[in-house]
């Protein structure tokens, strides 16, 4: 938030929680005391009953509005997993390719390239799955499908990160999980 305060001679302002960062974009509040702190990546992980309340083992849909500040390396947007690489449903960028991948028992069941993305551009994407039925669409483009594959057993949803320690390095305007 930007505020202006002109003030008068001899007056002042008390500001609590203000933070100045040398960055090209806003970041979450990082409380400090007398020592400098390095900000970690912002990400969310949903587990336990919070996850089981929004998850079906037989079908689902993910929706995200996001951007990336860089289109290099692996940039996870949303990942459902069991904290291993063997059971995953993931939406991620691999360089400039936006990918939807499902892995069950360590075997890739679905690996769809949804389209090409660029840095600093917001996109809308939806992916859906059930056994032998996988689909995804990037920003109203052509729906990409795969009609063969099983589903993994997952116990958490991560927004902006994955089990391998990769981070999105961008922004999420909206994220939704539909049963």
Protein backbone atom coordinates (compact mmCIF):
# COMPACT_ATOMS: atom_id res chain seq x y z
CA UNK A 1 0.00 0.00 0.00
CA UNK A 2 1.23 3.48 -0.82
CA UNK A 3 0.31 6.28 1.58
CA UNK A 4 1.20 9.94 1.69
CA UNK A 5 1.72 11.93 4.87
CA UNK A 6 2.66 15.59 4.65
CA UNK A 7 2.73 16.31 8.38
CA UNK A 8 3.44 19.57 10.13
CA UNK A 9 6.53 21.04 11.71
CA UNK A 10 7.49 19.02 14.77
CA UNK A 11 5.08 16.17 14.11
CA UNK A 12 5.95 12.65 13.08
CA UNK A 13 4.56 9.25 12.24
CA UNK A 14 4.78 5.91 13.99
CA UNK A 15 5.03 3.01 11.53
CA UNK A 16 4.89 -0.61 12.68
CA UNK A 17 5.68 -3.62 10.51
CA UNK A 18 7.11 -1.57 7.66
CA UNK A 19 9.66 -3.39 5.62
CA UNK A 20 11.96 -2.28 2.82
CA UNK A 21 13.26 -4.91 0.40
CA UNK A 22 15.58 -4.61 -2.56
CA UNK A 23 13.45 -6.59 -5.01
CA UNK A 24 11.59 -6.13 -8.26
CA UNK A 25 8.31 -7.47 -6.82
CA UNK A 26 6.46 -7.53 -3.48
CA UNK A 27 7.03 -10.40 -1.08
CA UNK A 28 5.42 -11.55 2.13
CA UNK A 29 6.27 -9.94 5.46
CA UNK A 30 9.45 -11.31 7.03
CA UNK A 31 9.71 -10.43 10.73
CA UNK A 32 13.24 -9.70 11.96
CA UNK A 33 14.90 -8.70 15.20
CA UNK A 34 18.52 -7.63 15.50
CA UNK A 35 19.89 -9.97 12.80
CA UNK A 36 19.34 -10.06 9.05
CA UNK A 37 17.08 -12.82 7.75
CA UNK A 38 17.04 -14.45 4.32
CA UNK A 39 13.53 -14.76 2.95
CA UNK A 40 12.49 -18.25 1.93
CA UNK A 41 10.23 -18.93 -1.03
CA UNK A 42 6.52 -18.46 -0.46
CA UNK A 43 4.67 -21.75 -0.89
CA UNK A 44 1.77 -23.60 0.72
CA UNK A 45 1.39 -27.27 1.59
CA UNK A 46 -2.01 -28.72 2.50
CA UNK A 47 -1.96 -32.04 4.41
CA UNK A 48 -3.99 -34.28 6.75
CA UNK A 49 -7.74 -33.68 7.01
CA UNK A 50 -7.35 -30.33 5.26
CA UNK A 51 -6.21 -32.27 2.18
CA UNK A 52 -8.52 -35.27 2.42
CA UNK A 53 -11.46 -32.89 2.63
CA UNK A 54 -10.68 -31.55 -0.87
CA UNK A 55 -9.30 -34.68 -2.53
CA UNK A 56 -10.88 -37.60 -4.37
CA UNK A 57 -8.71 -40.62 -5.17
CA UNK A 58 -10.67 -41.28 -8.39
CA UNK A 59 -10.91 -37.90 -10.18
CA UNK A 60 -10.07 -34.23 -9.89
CA UNK A 61 -9.43 -30.87 -11.49
CA UNK A 62 -6.85 -28.17 -10.78
CA UNK A 63 -7.11 -24.56 -11.93
CA UNK A 64 -4.43 -21.88 -11.63
CA UNK A 65 -3.84 -18.32 -12.71
CA UNK A 66 -0.10 -17.72 -12.45
CA UNK A 67 3.01 -16.16 -13.86
CA UNK A 68 6.71 -16.94 -13.66
CA UNK A 69 9.52 -14.43 -13.27
CA UNK A 70 11.87 -16.82 -15.06
CA UNK A 71 11.23 -19.66 -17.51
CA UNK A 72 14.35 -21.69 -16.81
CA UNK A 73 14.57 -25.01 -15.02
CA UNK A 74 11.65 -26.73 -13.28
CA UNK A 75 9.02 -24.35 -11.89
CA UNK A 76 6.18 -26.16 -10.03
CA UNK A 77 2.78 -24.45 -10.08
CA UNK A 78 0.75 -27.09 -8.18
CA UNK A 79 1.81 -30.57 -7.06
CA UNK A 80 -0.16 -33.36 -5.41
CA UNK A 81 2.19 -36.02 -4.02
CA UNK A 82 3.02 -38.39 -1.17
CA UNK A 83 6.31 -36.59 -0.37
CA UNK A 84 8.16 -38.81 -2.86
CA UNK A 85 8.82 -38.69 -6.59
CA UNK A 86 6.93 -41.98 -7.09
CA UNK A 87 3.34 -40.75 -6.57
CA UNK A 88 2.55 -37.35 -8.15
CA UNK A 89 0.04 -35.28 -10.07
CA UNK A 90 1.79 -32.09 -11.10
CA UNK A 91 1.42 -28.93 -13.11
CA UNK A 92 4.79 -27.31 -13.76
CA UNK A 93 6.93 -25.39 -16.19
CA UNK A 94 9.95 -27.04 -17.74
CA UNK A 95 11.71 -24.12 -19.36
CA UNK A 96 9.09 -22.51 -21.62
CA UNK A 97 6.87 -25.65 -21.76
CA UNK A 98 3.91 -25.89 -19.39
CA UNK A 99 3.50 -29.58 -18.46
CA UNK A 100 0.88 -31.80 -16.82
CA UNK A 101 2.35 -35.06 -15.52
CA UNK A 102 0.97 -37.98 -13.54
CA UNK A 103 3.29 -40.58 -11.99
CA UNK A 104 2.01 -43.74 -10.28
CA UNK A 105 4.36 -46.27 -8.69
CA UNK A 106 7.35 -44.43 -10.15
CA UNK A 107 6.00 -44.89 -13.71
CA UNK A 108 4.88 -41.92 -15.80
CA UNK A 109 1.21 -42.39 -16.69
CA UNK A 110 0.61 -39.06 -18.42
CA UNK A 111 3.05 -36.41 -19.67
CA UNK A 112 1.24 -33.69 -21.62
CA UNK A 113 2.74 -30.44 -22.89
CA UNK A 114 -0.06 -27.88 -22.59
CA UNK A 115 1.68 -25.05 -24.45
CA UNK A 116 4.48 -22.51 -24.44
CA UNK A 117 4.80 -19.84 -21.77
CA UNK A 118 6.92 -16.71 -21.31
CA UNK A 119 8.23 -14.91 -18.25
CA UNK A 120 6.18 -12.09 -16.70
CA UNK A 121 2.91 -13.08 -18.40
CA UNK A 122 -0.16 -14.29 -16.51
CA UNK A 123 -1.75 -17.54 -17.72
CA UNK A 124 -4.89 -19.50 -16.86
CA UNK A 125 -4.68 -23.28 -16.92
CA UNK A 126 -6.93 -26.19 -15.98
CA UNK A 127 -6.07 -29.88 -15.82
CA UNK A 128 -8.37 -32.81 -15.01
CA UNK A 129 -7.84 -36.51 -14.40
CA UNK A 130 -9.47 -39.84 -13.77
CA UNK A 131 -8.22 -43.34 -14.64
CA UNK A 132 -7.49 -43.52 -18.38
CA UNK A 133 -8.64 -39.92 -18.88
CA UNK A 134 -6.27 -36.95 -18.57
CA UNK A 135 -6.81 -33.48 -20.06
CA UNK A 136 -5.47 -29.96 -19.81
CA UNK A 137 -5.90 -26.56 -21.41
CA UNK A 138 -3.71 -23.45 -21.31
CA UNK A 139 -5.44 -20.06 -21.57
CA UNK A 140 -8.36 -21.25 -23.70
CA UNK A 141 -6.16 -23.01 -26.27
CA UNK A 142 -6.49 -26.53 -27.60
CA UNK A 143 -7.40 -29.17 -25.02
CA UNK A 144 -4.57 -31.70 -24.80
CA UNK A 145 -5.50 -35.26 -23.77
CA UNK A 146 -4.13 -38.68 -22.87
CA UNK A 147 -6.46 -41.67 -22.61
CA UNK A 148 -4.34 -44.25 -20.82
CA UNK A 149 -3.00 -44.37 -17.27
CA UNK A 150 -3.58 -45.10 -13.59
CA UNK A 151 -3.76 -42.67 -10.68
CA UNK A 152 -1.26 -42.23 -7.84
CA UNK A 153 -2.00 -42.28 -4.12
CA UNK A 154 -1.25 -38.78 -2.83
CA UNK A 155 -1.62 -37.19 0.61
CA UNK A 156 -0.78 -33.51 0.14
CA UNK A 157 -1.13 -30.55 -2.20
CA UNK A 158 1.64 -28.02 -2.66
CA UNK A 159 1.12 -24.62 -4.25
CA UNK A 160 4.31 -23.07 -5.61
CA UNK A 161 6.66 -25.96 -4.78
CA UNK A 162 7.24 -29.69 -5.23
CA UNK A 163 8.69 -32.58 -3.22
CA UNK A 164 12.11 -32.14 -4.88
CA UNK A 165 12.56 -28.65 -3.41
CA UNK A 166 11.84 -26.68 -6.61
CA UNK A 167 9.92 -23.40 -6.31
CA UNK A 168 7.66 -21.49 -8.66
CA UNK A 169 9.46 -18.12 -8.60
CA UNK A 170 6.36 -16.22 -9.67
CA UNK A 171 2.86 -15.30 -8.57
CA UNK A 172 -0.44 -17.11 -8.17
CA UNK A 173 -3.57 -15.00 -8.58
CA UNK A 174 -5.93 -17.95 -8.10
CA UNK A 175 -5.61 -21.62 -7.32
CA UNK A 176 -8.55 -24.02 -7.13
CA UNK A 177 -8.95 -27.76 -6.55
CA UNK A 178 -12.22 -29.33 -7.67
CA UNK A 179 -13.33 -32.87 -6.84
